[in-house]
Amino acid sequence: MAIDLPKPIAKYFQADEGDSEAIVACFSDEAVVKDEGQTYTGLDAIKQWKMSSSTKYTYTVEPQALNESEEQTIVTGLVAGNFPGSPVNLQYAFTLDGDKITSLEITL
């Protein structure tokens, strides 16, 4: 079943298969990412987060479900790779402003 993701979110998941520059292009200048108990603010920090996670793990994400509200868009993704506990369903909580992501929180 294909999920019709909002364009900025679809672009994020597509970029997540590539490099850190492609990921950074999905975010606004002052965006915030929260992942694994850490907070990354701004494009430089987000780039470092992506580079670090890409060197630590090899993984794929398959979006499984979408839940939209006025404040956030939450995507449940099946994440599989070379990390402890794989595969796992993670929640990706996005806040959007136009065609950019302003915040992303990744949780179990």
C-alpha atoms as a PDB file:
ATOM      1  CA  MET A   1       0.000   0.000   0.000  1.00  0.00           C
ATOM      2  CA  ALA A   2       1.509   3.314  -1.064  1.00  0.00           C
ATOM      3  CA  ILE A   3       1.114   6.271   1.278  1.00  0.00           C
ATOM      4  CA  ASP A   4       0.557   9.719  -0.204  1.00  0.00           C
ATOM      5  CA  LEU A   5       3.074  11.720   1.828  1.00  0.00           C
ATOM      6  CA  PRO A   6       3.200  15.532   1.785  1.00  0.00           C
ATOM      7  CA  LYS A   7       5.929  16.623  -0.648  1.00  0.00           C
ATOM      8  CA  PRO A   8       8.493  17.833   1.939  1.00  0.00           C
ATOM      9  CA  ILE A   9       8.163  14.550   3.838  1.00  0.00           C
ATOM     10  CA  ALA A  10       8.371  12.417   0.702  1.00  0.00           C
ATOM     11  CA  LYS A  11      11.494  14.389  -0.240  1.00  0.00           C
ATOM     12  CA  TYR A  12      12.965  13.714   3.230  1.00  0.00           C
ATOM     13  CA  PHE A  13      12.495   9.937   2.985  1.00  0.00           C
ATOM     14  CA  GLN A  14      13.899   9.923  -0.547  1.00  0.00           C
ATOM     15  CA  ALA A  15      16.899  12.013   0.581  1.00  0.00           C
ATOM     16  CA  ASP A  16      17.456   9.719   3.568  1.00  0.00           C
ATOM     17  CA  GLU A  17      18.617   7.091   1.085  1.00  0.00           C
ATOM     18  CA  GLY A  18      21.310   9.486  -0.158  1.00  0.00           C
ATOM     19  CA  ASP A  19      23.722  11.912   1.440  1.00  0.00           C
ATOM     20  CA  SER A  20      23.639  14.520   4.183  1.00  0.00           C
ATOM     21  CA  GLU A  21      23.419  17.435   1.705  1.00  0.00           C
ATOM     22  CA  ALA A  22      20.148  16.061   0.328  1.00  0.00           C
ATOM     23  CA  ILE A  23      18.750  15.756   3.861  1.00  0.00           C
ATOM     24  CA  VAL A  24      19.787  19.295   4.813  1.00  0.00           C
ATOM     25  CA  ALA A  25      17.960  20.686   1.755  1.00  0.00           C
ATOM     26  CA  CYS A  26      14.674  19.410   3.244  1.00  0.00           C
ATOM     27  CA  PHE A  27      14.921  21.623   6.350  1.00  0.00           C
ATOM     28  CA  SER A  28      14.433  25.314   7.117  1.00  0.00           C
ATOM     29  CA  ASP A  29      17.456  27.291   8.353  1.00  0.00           C
ATOM     30  CA  GLU A  30      16.458  27.112  12.038  1.00  0.00           C
ATOM     31  CA  ALA A  31      14.998  23.598  11.993  1.00  0.00           C
ATOM     32  CA  VAL A  32      15.286  21.262  14.973  1.00  0.00           C
ATOM     33  CA  VAL A  33      15.782  17.482  14.893  1.00  0.00           C
ATOM     34  CA  LYS A  34      15.367  15.303  17.997  1.00  0.00           C
ATOM     35  CA  ASP A  35      16.692  11.751  17.719  1.00  0.00           C
ATOM     36  CA  GLU A  36      18.134   9.217  20.171  1.00  0.00           C
ATOM     37  CA  GLY A  37      17.888  11.636  23.103  1.00  0.00           C
ATOM     38  CA  GLN A  38      19.801  14.416  21.323  1.00  0.00           C
ATOM     39  CA  THR A  39      18.636  17.735  19.864  1.00  0.00           C
ATOM     40  CA  TYR A  40      20.171  19.216  16.713  1.00  0.00           C
ATOM     41  CA  THR A  41      19.377  22.847  15.868  1.00  0.00           C
ATOM     42  CA  GLY A  42      20.212  24.494  12.546  1.00  0.00           C
ATOM     43  CA  LEU A  43      21.430  23.137   9.240  1.00  0.00           C
ATOM     44  CA  ASP A  44      25.041  22.496  10.291  1.00  0.00           C
ATOM     45  CA  ALA A  45      23.947  20.420  13.287  1.00  0.00           C
ATOM     46  CA  ILE A  46      21.411  18.519  11.179  1.00  0.00           C
ATOM     47  CA  LYS A  47      24.099  17.742   8.622  1.00  0.00           C
ATOM     48  CA  GLN A  48      26.376  16.407  11.369  1.00  0.00           C
ATOM     49  CA  TRP A  49      23.495  14.304  12.763  1.00  0.00           C
ATOM     50  CA  LYS A  50      22.862  12.726   9.375  1.00  0.00           C
ATOM     51  CA  MET A  51      26.566  12.097   8.708  1.00  0.00           C
ATOM     52  CA  SER A  52      26.977  10.485  12.129  1.00  0.00           C
ATOM     53  CA  SER A  53      23.928   8.234  11.824  1.00  0.00           C
ATOM     54  CA  SER A  54      24.946   7.193   8.303  1.00  0.00           C
ATOM     55  CA  THR A  55      28.416   6.134   9.419  1.00  0.00           C
ATOM     56  CA  LYS A  56      27.045   4.310  12.471  1.00  0.00           C
ATOM     57  CA  TYR A  57      24.229   2.394  10.759  1.00  0.00           C
ATOM     58  CA  THR A  58      23.051   1.189   7.386  1.00  0.00           C
ATOM     59  CA  TYR A  59      19.256   1.189   7.250  1.00  0.00           C
ATOM     60  CA  THR A  60      16.157   1.577   5.142  1.00  0.00           C
ATOM     61  CA  VAL A  61      12.851   3.194   6.074  1.00  0.00           C
ATOM     62  CA  GLU A  62       9.529   2.133   4.622  1.00  0.00           C
ATOM     63  CA  PRO A  63       6.669   4.504   5.556  1.00  0.00           C
ATOM     64  CA  GLN A  64       3.737   2.414   6.826  1.00  0.00           C
ATOM     65  CA  ALA A  65       1.145   4.891   8.114  1.00  0.00           C
ATOM     66  CA  LEU A  66       0.343   8.603   8.090  1.00  0.00           C
ATOM     67  CA  ASN A  67      -1.510  10.646  10.715  1.00  0.00           C
ATOM     68  CA  GLU A  68      -2.002  14.363  10.033  1.00  0.00           C
ATOM     69  CA  SER A  69      -3.147  17.098  12.404  1.00  0.00           C
ATOM     70  CA  GLU A  70      -2.979  20.884  12.182  1.00  0.00           C
ATOM     71  CA  GLU A  71       0.282  20.924  14.152  1.00  0.00           C
ATOM     72  CA  GLN A  72       2.142  17.824  12.978  1.00  0.00           C
ATOM     73  CA  THR A  73       2.337  15.045  10.452  1.00  0.00           C
ATOM     74  CA  ILE A  74       3.319  11.730  11.998  1.00  0.00           C
ATOM     75  CA  VAL A  75       4.675   8.973   9.798  1.00  0.00           C
ATOM     76  CA  THR A  76       5.174   5.474  11.151  1.00  0.00           C
ATOM     77  CA  GLY A  77       8.135   3.936   9.367  1.00  0.00           C
ATOM     78  CA  LEU A  78       9.459   0.386   9.406  1.00  0.00           C
ATOM     79  CA  VAL A  79      13.198   0.805   9.888  1.00  0.00           C
ATOM     80  CA  ALA A  80      15.465  -2.149   9.130  1.00  0.00           C
ATOM     81  CA  GLY A  81      19.239  -2.259   9.202  1.00  0.00           C
ATOM     82  CA  ASN A  82      22.388  -3.169  11.087  1.00  0.00           C
ATOM     83  CA  PHE A  83      21.399  -1.771  14.472  1.00  0.00           C
ATOM     84  CA  PRO A  84      20.261  -3.473  17.696  1.00  0.00           C
ATOM     85  CA  GLY A  85      16.541  -4.305  17.676  1.00  0.00           C
ATOM     86  CA  SER A  86      16.138  -4.176  13.889  1.00  0.00           C
ATOM     87  CA  PRO A  87      13.555  -4.068  12.426  1.00  0.00           C
ATOM     88  CA  VAL A  88      11.551  -1.532  14.409  1.00  0.00           C
ATOM     89  CA  ASN A  89       8.632   0.826  13.801  1.00  0.00           C
ATOM     90  CA  LEU A  90       9.628   4.433  14.502  1.00  0.00           C
ATOM     91  CA  GLN A  91       7.441   7.516  14.686  1.00  0.00           C
ATOM     92  CA  TYR A  92       8.603  10.500  12.634  1.00  0.00           C
ATOM     93  CA  ALA A  93       6.789  13.631  13.869  1.00  0.00           C
ATOM     94  CA  PHE A  94       7.212  16.409  11.301  1.00  0.00           C
ATOM     95  CA  THR A  95       6.271  20.076  11.546  1.00  0.00           C
ATOM     96  CA  LEU A  96       6.177  21.805   8.181  1.00  0.00           C
ATOM     97  CA  ASP A  97       6.293  25.380   6.946  1.00  0.00           C
ATOM     98  CA  GLY A  98       5.513  25.444   3.242  1.00  0.00           C
ATOM     99  CA  ASP A  99       7.946  23.148   1.472  1.00  0.00           C
ATOM    100  CA  LYS A 100      10.427  22.913   4.381  1.00  0.00           C
ATOM    101  CA  ILE A 101      10.592  20.844   7.550  1.00  0.00           C
ATOM    102  CA  THR A 102      10.877  23.025  10.662  1.00  0.00           C
ATOM    103  CA  SER A 103      11.055  20.186  13.163  1.00  0.00           C
ATOM    104  CA  LEU A 104      11.422  16.432  13.236  1.00  0.00           C
ATOM    105  CA  GLU A 105      11.265  14.175  16.271  1.00  0.00           C
ATOM    106  CA  ILE A 106      12.029  10.480  15.839  1.00  0.00           C
ATOM    107  CA  THR A 107      10.771   8.163  18.595  1.00  0.00           C
ATOM    108  CA  LEU A 108       9.790   4.563  19.246  1.00  0.00           C
END
